[in-house]
Amino acid sequence: MSMTTSPLLIVGAGPTGLAAALFLARRGVAVRIIDAASAPSVYSKALAVNPRTLDVLAGTGVDQRILAEAAPLSRACLHPDGGETVTVDLREAGLAQPMQVLPQARTEALLAEALAAVGVQVERGVRLEDLQQVPEAVELRLLHADGSSEQVSAPLVYGADGARSRVRQALQLDFGGDSLPEPWQLWDVELETALDPGAAHILLRHDGFLFLLQLAPGVWRVIGNGAEPLQQLPQGTRAGAIHWQSSFHIGHRVAAQAGVGRVALGGDAAHIHSPIGARGMNLGIEDAYVYAACAADALGGQWQRLDDYATLRHAVHGQVVRRIALLTRLVRGRLGALRWLRDAAMPRALRFAPARAQMVHTLAGLDHPLRLAP
């Protein structure tokens, strides 16, 4: 077993961890980032980069590369079962940039390339085994893919290691919330369809909903929570080759704290919710932006900034997860009163400017202020 002194350590090289490392490195903070996986995932859960994310990435070059690769998402269409389609223009709230459709794997690759350009490489196949805090540092035990063990002393640790976070578990923090009972099914599938390819589509069905978004010409992401979602596609739509298929369960959970002492949490390690609202990856990158500012200040001697991060982000996490959980239960359409609200009240409400503005600001990540200090 070797013993080394480490820079600030980030556990997890998804979009949150990569963004945190990039923001910190650009502030002149020495950073090390590890990930248990031997290679980045080629599959993409998140598909949309929202305007808030583009704002915080401004100046890194990643924002411009996203804009160069992505397809703008200008509209959202709600299709009531048997009713008239309601279209919301996602540009009507005066956003500086529209939503951008880009698979998460590409966003991660762009972040990793920008990080490498400032001299930081992700160390893959390195797993956190344990951590404990001592007065002047965090001591960690890391396990490498070759079986060797490494004892590390880091001034700060950022846990961005996903919903099953080893960092959160080591802090013994509760991950309170609840889960929906039914599985949600996902396909990336070739479709022949008359649906508007520049819009996100939510189709309300008697036993749930369908979400459809074009990823590339002729290839669509389809998510459904009812029985046989691909059998409930719009009339005239034909499914072809399946590129990827998955099934998952939805939970809405927030860690009891976003930080304890010298250790903080961000991304799915701190909060999880349904993909409705397109907030998961984007909220994690926002976490990373705030963390970099607070951690840099802390390492400069302002140690109360670690508490600032924990306080600021825990409040945001709770607010966003509650909002997305309510929206998910509404669109899910399984209970009587919520079913009526979904099928009757929601389409009517979206014909009015205030409801449309609230929807746009939620999708854009602008439903709360971005604060770097209390």
Protein backbone atom coordinates (compact mmCIF):
# COMPACT_ATOMS: atom_id res chain seq x y z
CA MET A 1 0.00 0.00 0.00
CA SER A 2 1.39 3.39 -1.03
CA MET A 3 0.81 6.73 0.70
CA THR A 4 0.49 9.96 -1.28
CA THR A 5 -0.69 13.52 -0.68
CA SER A 6 -3.41 14.40 -3.16
CA PRO A 7 -4.91 17.59 -4.53
CA LEU A 8 -8.64 18.15 -4.14
CA LEU A 9 -10.19 14.81 -5.05
CA ILE A 10 -13.32 14.36 -7.17
CA VAL A 11 -14.96 10.94 -7.05
CA GLY A 12 -16.96 10.26 -10.21
CA ALA A 13 -16.31 11.33 -13.81
CA GLY A 14 -19.83 11.84 -15.07
CA PRO A 15 -20.93 15.31 -16.18
CA THR A 16 -20.97 16.69 -12.61
CA GLY A 17 -17.49 15.50 -11.71
CA LEU A 18 -15.99 16.49 -15.05
CA ALA A 19 -17.54 19.96 -14.86
CA ALA A 20 -16.34 20.43 -11.29
CA ALA A 21 -12.80 19.44 -12.24
CA LEU A 22 -12.85 21.83 -15.20
CA PHE A 23 -14.22 24.76 -13.21
CA LEU A 24 -11.69 24.15 -10.41
CA ALA A 25 -8.73 23.78 -12.75
CA ARG A 26 -9.65 27.03 -14.46
CA ARG A 27 -9.56 28.68 -11.03
CA GLY A 28 -6.03 27.39 -10.49
CA VAL A 29 -6.99 24.62 -8.04
CA ALA A 30 -4.99 21.39 -8.22
CA VAL A 31 -7.51 18.61 -8.80
CA ARG A 32 -7.57 14.84 -9.21
CA ILE A 33 -10.59 13.01 -10.63
CA ILE A 34 -11.20 9.25 -10.41
CA ASP A 35 -13.93 6.93 -11.65
CA ALA A 36 -14.59 3.27 -10.92
CA ALA A 37 -15.59 2.50 -14.52
CA SER A 38 -12.85 1.47 -16.92
CA ALA A 39 -14.33 3.59 -19.74
CA PRO A 40 -17.01 6.25 -20.20
CA SER A 41 -20.52 5.00 -20.90
CA VAL A 42 -21.56 5.06 -24.55
CA TYR A 43 -25.24 5.30 -23.57
CA SER A 44 -26.95 8.56 -22.76
CA LYS A 45 -29.58 9.10 -20.11
CA ALA A 46 -29.72 12.87 -20.49
CA LEU A 47 -30.36 14.41 -23.89
CA ALA A 48 -30.86 18.13 -23.35
CA VAL A 49 -28.46 20.90 -22.39
CA ASN A 50 -30.43 23.79 -20.95
CA PRO A 51 -29.69 27.55 -21.08
CA ARG A 52 -28.50 27.66 -17.46
CA THR A 53 -25.86 25.04 -18.27
CA LEU A 54 -24.70 27.00 -21.32
CA ASP A 55 -24.43 30.08 -19.11
CA VAL A 56 -22.20 28.42 -16.51
CA LEU A 57 -20.01 26.82 -19.20
CA ALA A 58 -19.43 30.17 -20.91
CA GLY A 59 -15.71 30.83 -21.34
CA THR A 60 -14.69 27.16 -21.14
CA GLY A 61 -15.16 26.55 -24.85
CA VAL A 62 -17.49 23.65 -24.06
CA ASP A 63 -20.56 25.85 -24.52
CA GLN A 64 -19.50 26.76 -28.06
CA ARG A 65 -18.75 23.15 -28.96
CA ILE A 66 -22.17 22.10 -27.66
CA LEU A 67 -23.83 24.77 -29.78
CA ALA A 68 -21.85 23.62 -32.81
CA GLU A 69 -22.86 19.96 -32.42
CA ALA A 70 -26.32 20.08 -30.89
CA ALA A 71 -29.72 20.58 -32.46
CA PRO A 72 -31.80 23.41 -30.97
CA LEU A 73 -35.04 22.38 -29.30
CA SER A 74 -37.56 25.12 -30.00
CA ARG A 75 -40.93 23.60 -29.12
CA ALA A 76 -42.66 21.23 -26.71
CA CYS A 77 -45.90 19.59 -27.78
CA LEU A 78 -48.50 18.11 -25.44
CA HIS A 79 -50.76 15.58 -27.17
CA PRO A 80 -53.88 14.80 -25.08
CA ASP A 81 -55.42 11.42 -25.86
CA GLY A 82 -58.04 12.30 -28.45
CA GLY A 83 -57.67 16.05 -27.85
CA GLU A 84 -56.07 18.95 -29.64
CA THR A 85 -52.26 19.27 -29.48
CA VAL A 86 -50.91 22.18 -27.41
CA THR A 87 -47.57 23.59 -28.61
CA VAL A 88 -45.34 25.68 -26.34
CA ASP A 89 -42.67 27.83 -27.97
CA LEU A 90 -39.59 27.38 -25.78
CA ARG A 91 -38.16 30.66 -27.06
CA GLU A 92 -41.04 32.85 -25.95
CA ALA A 93 -39.59 33.58 -22.50
CA GLY A 94 -36.75 35.58 -24.05
CA LEU A 95 -34.03 32.99 -23.40
CA ALA A 96 -30.55 33.92 -24.58
CA GLN A 97 -30.12 30.38 -25.97
CA PRO A 98 -32.65 27.65 -26.75
CA MET A 99 -32.50 24.18 -25.25
CA GLN A 100 -29.98 22.02 -27.09
CA VAL A 101 -30.38 18.33 -27.91
CA LEU A 102 -27.09 16.49 -27.42
CA PRO A 103 -26.65 13.01 -25.94
CA GLN A 104 -25.04 12.98 -22.52
CA ALA A 105 -22.15 10.86 -23.78
CA ARG A 106 -21.13 13.68 -26.12
CA THR A 107 -21.49 16.33 -23.41
CA GLU A 108 -19.23 14.23 -21.17
CA ALA A 109 -16.70 13.78 -23.99
CA LEU A 110 -16.57 17.54 -24.61
CA LEU A 111 -16.05 18.21 -20.89
CA ALA A 112 -13.31 15.55 -20.71
CA GLU A 113 -11.52 17.05 -23.72
CA ALA A 114 -11.63 20.53 -22.21
CA LEU A 115 -10.34 19.11 -18.93
CA ALA A 116 -7.47 17.33 -20.67
CA ALA A 117 -6.58 20.61 -22.40
CA VAL A 118 -5.90 22.17 -18.97
CA GLY A 119 -3.76 19.22 -17.94
CA VAL A 120 -6.17 16.98 -15.99
CA GLN A 121 -6.87 13.39 -17.04
CA VAL A 122 -9.55 11.15 -15.57
CA GLU A 123 -8.07 8.20 -13.69
CA ARG A 124 -10.31 5.26 -14.58
CA GLY A 125 -10.64 1.92 -12.86
CA VAL A 126 -10.06 3.58 -9.47
CA ARG A 127 -12.71 2.97 -6.81
CA LEU A 128 -13.25 4.64 -3.46
CA GLU A 129 -13.20 2.05 -0.70
CA ASP A 130 -13.41 4.24 2.39
CA LEU A 131 -12.96 7.76 3.69
CA GLN A 132 -12.72 9.49 7.03
CA GLN A 133 -12.22 13.09 8.00
CA VAL A 134 -9.41 14.25 10.25
CA PRO A 135 -8.90 17.85 11.42
CA GLU A 136 -6.68 18.93 8.50
CA ALA A 137 -7.73 16.64 5.63
CA VAL A 138 -9.81 13.77 4.33
CA GLU A 139 -8.12 10.38 4.33
CA LEU A 140 -9.26 7.93 1.68
CA ARG A 141 -8.51 4.39 0.62
CA LEU A 142 -8.63 3.82 -3.14
CA LEU A 143 -8.63 0.48 -4.95
CA HIS A 144 -7.11 0.30 -8.44
CA ALA A 145 -8.13 -2.07 -11.22
CA ASP A 146 -4.91 -4.07 -10.80
CA GLY A 147 -5.85 -4.79 -7.19
CA SER A 148 -3.41 -2.37 -5.61
CA SER A 149 -4.57 -0.13 -2.79
CA GLU A 150 -3.68 3.54 -2.30
CA GLN A 151 -4.04 5.66 0.80
CA VAL A 152 -4.69 9.31 -0.09
CA SER A 153 -4.87 12.49 1.98
CA ALA A 154 -6.91 15.20 0.24
CA PRO A 155 -7.76 18.71 1.47
CA LEU A 156 -11.31 18.44 0.09
CA VAL A 157 -13.43 15.74 -1.54
CA TYR A 158 -16.33 16.15 -3.96
CA GLY A 159 -18.63 13.16 -4.32
CA ALA A 160 -20.10 13.10 -7.82
CA ASP A 161 -20.35 9.33 -7.98
CA GLY A 162 -23.99 8.80 -8.79
CA ALA A 163 -27.15 7.62 -7.11
CA ARG A 164 -25.38 4.76 -5.30
CA SER A 165 -22.66 7.15 -4.13
CA ARG A 166 -19.89 5.59 -2.05
CA VAL A 167 -19.07 9.08 -0.78
CA ARG A 168 -22.62 9.63 0.50
CA GLN A 169 -22.62 6.19 2.10
CA ALA A 170 -19.30 6.90 3.81
CA LEU A 171 -20.81 10.08 5.25
CA GLN A 172 -23.77 7.98 6.47
CA LEU A 173 -26.26 10.43 5.00
CA ASP A 174 -29.87 9.43 4.49
CA PHE A 175 -31.13 9.58 0.88
CA GLY A 176 -34.76 10.22 1.71
CA GLY A 177 -37.65 10.21 -0.70
CA ASP A 178 -39.77 7.69 -2.55
CA SER A 179 -39.98 5.66 -5.73
CA LEU A 180 -42.69 4.94 -8.27
CA PRO A 181 -43.68 1.27 -8.47
CA GLU A 182 -43.88 0.72 -12.22
CA PRO A 183 -40.86 0.32 -14.50
CA TRP A 184 -40.27 2.96 -17.16
CA GLN A 185 -39.10 1.69 -20.52
CA LEU A 186 -36.71 3.44 -22.89
CA TRP A 187 -35.77 2.97 -26.51
CA ASP A 188 -33.52 4.73 -28.97
CA VAL A 189 -35.32 3.59 -32.09
CA GLU A 190 -35.68 4.42 -35.75
CA LEU A 191 -39.11 5.90 -36.45
CA GLU A 192 -41.03 6.82 -39.55
CA THR A 193 -43.30 9.56 -38.26
CA ALA A 194 -45.00 12.82 -39.12
CA LEU A 195 -44.18 14.25 -35.67
CA ASP A 196 -42.32 17.57 -35.66
CA PRO A 197 -38.60 16.62 -35.37
CA GLY A 198 -37.72 19.97 -33.80
CA ALA A 199 -40.03 19.47 -30.82
CA ALA A 200 -40.21 17.35 -27.68
CA HIS A 201 -43.49 15.43 -27.58
CA ILE A 202 -45.49 14.22 -24.57
CA LEU A 203 -48.36 11.94 -25.54
CA LEU A 204 -50.97 11.31 -22.84
CA ARG A 205 -52.30 7.75 -22.83
CA HIS A 206 -54.94 5.98 -20.77
CA ASP A 207 -52.37 4.07 -18.70
CA GLY A 208 -49.56 6.62 -18.65
CA PHE A 209 -47.61 8.68 -21.14
CA LEU A 210 -45.09 8.56 -23.97
CA PHE A 211 -42.18 10.96 -24.43
CA LEU A 212 -40.57 11.27 -27.86
CA LEU A 213 -37.56 13.34 -28.94
CA GLN A 214 -35.50 13.05 -32.12
CA LEU A 215 -31.82 12.38 -31.38
CA ALA A 216 -30.54 12.26 -34.96
CA PRO A 217 -32.33 12.18 -38.31
CA GLY A 218 -34.77 9.29 -38.11
CA VAL A 219 -33.65 8.15 -34.63
CA TRP A 220 -35.85 8.99 -31.63
CA ARG A 221 -35.72 8.53 -27.88
CA VAL A 222 -38.99 6.97 -26.69
CA ILE A 223 -39.81 6.70 -22.97
CA GLY A 224 -43.07 5.26 -21.66
CA ASN A 225 -44.50 4.08 -18.36
CA GLY A 226 -47.53 2.18 -19.65
CA ALA A 227 -47.98 -1.29 -21.09
CA GLU A 228 -46.30 -1.85 -24.47
CA PRO A 229 -45.30 1.76 -25.16
CA LEU A 230 -44.14 1.05 -28.70
CA GLN A 231 -47.64 -0.20 -29.45
CA GLN A 232 -49.04 3.21 -28.41
CA LEU A 233 -47.14 5.37 -30.88
CA PRO A 234 -49.12 8.00 -32.83
CA GLN A 235 -51.17 6.82 -35.76
CA GLY A 236 -49.02 6.53 -38.86
CA THR A 237 -45.76 6.18 -36.88
CA ARG A 238 -43.76 3.02 -37.54
CA ALA A 239 -40.90 1.71 -35.40
CA GLY A 240 -37.83 0.23 -37.04
CA ALA A 241 -34.41 -0.84 -35.78
CA ILE A 242 -33.75 -0.44 -32.06
CA HIS A 243 -30.35 1.10 -31.23
CA TRP A 244 -30.65 0.83 -27.44
CA GLN A 245 -33.28 -0.44 -25.03
CA SER A 246 -33.41 -0.13 -21.25
CA SER A 247 -35.77 -0.27 -18.30
CA PHE A 248 -35.50 1.71 -15.08
CA HIS A 249 -37.38 2.77 -11.97
CA ILE A 250 -38.00 6.36 -10.95
CA GLY A 251 -37.11 7.76 -7.54
CA HIS A 252 -37.30 11.26 -6.12
CA ARG A 253 -34.69 11.60 -3.41
CA VAL A 254 -32.47 14.25 -1.81
CA ALA A 255 -29.47 13.59 0.43
CA ALA A 256 -29.98 14.75 4.01
CA GLN A 257 -27.08 17.20 3.53
CA ALA A 258 -25.11 18.41 0.51
CA GLY A 259 -21.89 18.49 2.50
CA VAL A 260 -20.29 17.45 5.78
CA GLY A 261 -17.06 19.16 6.79
CA ARG A 262 -14.52 18.86 3.97
CA VAL A 263 -16.68 16.51 1.89
CA ALA A 264 -19.47 17.68 -0.41
CA LEU A 265 -21.94 16.02 -2.78
CA GLY A 266 -23.22 16.98 -6.21
CA GLY A 267 -25.24 15.54 -9.07
CA ASP A 268 -27.03 12.22 -8.60
CA ALA A 269 -25.07 11.61 -5.39
CA ALA A 270 -27.07 14.49 -3.88
CA HIS A 271 -30.39 14.32 -5.73
CA ILE A 272 -32.29 12.10 -8.15
CA HIS A 273 -35.60 12.56 -9.93
CA SER A 274 -37.42 11.55 -13.09
CA PRO A 275 -36.15 12.68 -16.51
CA ILE A 276 -39.29 14.79 -16.95
CA GLY A 277 -38.09 18.37 -16.98
CA ALA A 278 -34.62 17.46 -18.33
CA ARG A 279 -32.94 18.63 -15.13
CA GLY A 280 -30.70 15.81 -13.84
CA MET A 281 -27.44 16.38 -15.74
CA ASN A 282 -28.02 20.11 -15.94
CA LEU A 283 -28.62 20.49 -12.20
CA GLY A 284 -25.45 18.51 -11.54
CA ILE A 285 -23.35 20.81 -13.74
CA GLU A 286 -24.85 23.76 -11.86
CA ASP A 287 -23.82 22.06 -8.60
CA ALA A 288 -20.29 21.79 -9.97
CA TYR A 289 -20.17 25.48 -10.84
CA VAL A 290 -21.21 26.57 -7.36
CA TYR A 291 -18.91 24.02 -5.71
CA ALA A 292 -15.86 25.25 -7.65
CA ALA A 293 -16.44 28.81 -6.43
CA CYS A 294 -16.94 27.74 -2.82
CA ALA A 295 -14.09 25.20 -2.76
CA ALA A 296 -11.59 27.63 -4.29
CA ASP A 297 -12.50 30.19 -1.63
CA ALA A 298 -12.22 27.57 1.12
CA LEU A 299 -8.75 26.54 0.00
CA GLY A 300 -7.86 30.23 0.09
CA GLY A 301 -8.71 30.30 3.78
CA GLN A 302 -12.45 31.06 3.76
CA TRP A 303 -13.48 27.71 5.21
CA GLN A 304 -17.07 28.80 5.88
CA ARG A 305 -17.59 28.62 2.11
CA LEU A 306 -17.93 24.84 2.42
CA ASP A 307 -20.98 25.40 4.61
CA ASP A 308 -22.21 27.95 2.07
CA TYR A 309 -22.15 25.30 -0.65
CA ALA A 310 -23.99 22.77 1.48
CA THR A 311 -26.66 25.29 2.47
CA LEU A 312 -27.15 26.82 -0.97
CA ARG A 313 -27.37 23.59 -2.91
CA HIS A 314 -29.45 21.59 -0.43
CA ALA A 315 -32.18 24.22 -0.69
CA VAL A 316 -32.07 24.13 -4.50
CA HIS A 317 -32.07 20.32 -4.58
CA GLY A 318 -35.17 20.12 -2.43
CA GLN A 319 -36.99 22.75 -4.47
CA VAL A 320 -36.22 21.22 -7.86
CA VAL A 321 -36.89 17.63 -6.82
CA ARG A 322 -40.26 18.57 -5.30
CA ARG A 323 -41.25 20.41 -8.49
CA ILE A 324 -40.17 17.56 -10.79
CA ALA A 325 -41.84 14.97 -8.56
CA LEU A 326 -45.14 16.86 -8.76
CA LEU A 327 -44.85 17.26 -12.52
CA THR A 328 -44.00 13.56 -12.88
CA ARG A 329 -47.00 12.42 -10.87
CA LEU A 330 -49.21 14.72 -12.91
CA VAL A 331 -47.98 13.48 -16.30
CA ARG A 332 -47.89 9.86 -15.07
CA GLY A 333 -51.68 9.87 -14.97
CA ARG A 334 -52.32 6.98 -12.58
CA LEU A 335 -54.60 8.55 -9.92
CA GLY A 336 -58.12 9.92 -10.29
CA ALA A 337 -57.72 13.60 -9.39
CA LEU A 338 -54.28 13.88 -10.98
CA ARG A 339 -55.60 12.09 -14.05
CA TRP A 340 -58.32 14.74 -14.45
CA LEU A 341 -55.80 17.55 -13.96
CA ARG A 342 -53.52 15.99 -16.55
CA ASP A 343 -56.12 15.31 -19.21
CA ALA A 344 -58.37 18.34 -18.76
CA ALA A 345 -56.77 21.13 -16.75
CA MET A 346 -53.15 20.96 -17.92
CA PRO A 347 -53.82 21.34 -21.67
CA ARG A 348 -56.12 24.30 -20.96
CA ALA A 349 -53.60 25.94 -18.61
CA LEU A 350 -50.80 25.73 -21.19
CA ARG A 351 -52.82 27.92 -23.54
CA PHE A 352 -52.15 30.83 -21.18
CA ALA A 353 -48.87 32.74 -20.94
CA PRO A 354 -48.16 32.33 -17.17
CA ALA A 355 -48.34 28.52 -17.32
CA ARG A 356 -46.23 28.41 -20.47
CA ALA A 357 -43.64 30.72 -18.89
CA GLN A 358 -43.42 28.51 -15.81
CA MET A 359 -42.91 25.45 -18.00
CA VAL A 360 -40.20 27.17 -20.06
CA HIS A 361 -38.33 28.40 -16.99
CA THR A 362 -38.44 24.92 -15.44
CA LEU A 363 -37.02 23.31 -18.59
CA ALA A 364 -34.44 26.07 -18.96
CA GLY A 365 -33.19 25.62 -15.40
CA LEU A 366 -34.16 29.20 -14.58
CA ASP A 367 -36.82 28.43 -11.98
CA HIS A 368 -34.45 29.47 -9.19
CA PRO A 369 -31.65 32.04 -8.92
CA LEU A 370 -28.05 30.88 -9.30
CA ARG A 371 -26.35 31.94 -6.06
CA LEU A 372 -22.68 31.56 -5.19
CA ALA A 373 -23.16 32.98 -1.68
CA PRO A 374 -26.07 33.12 0.78
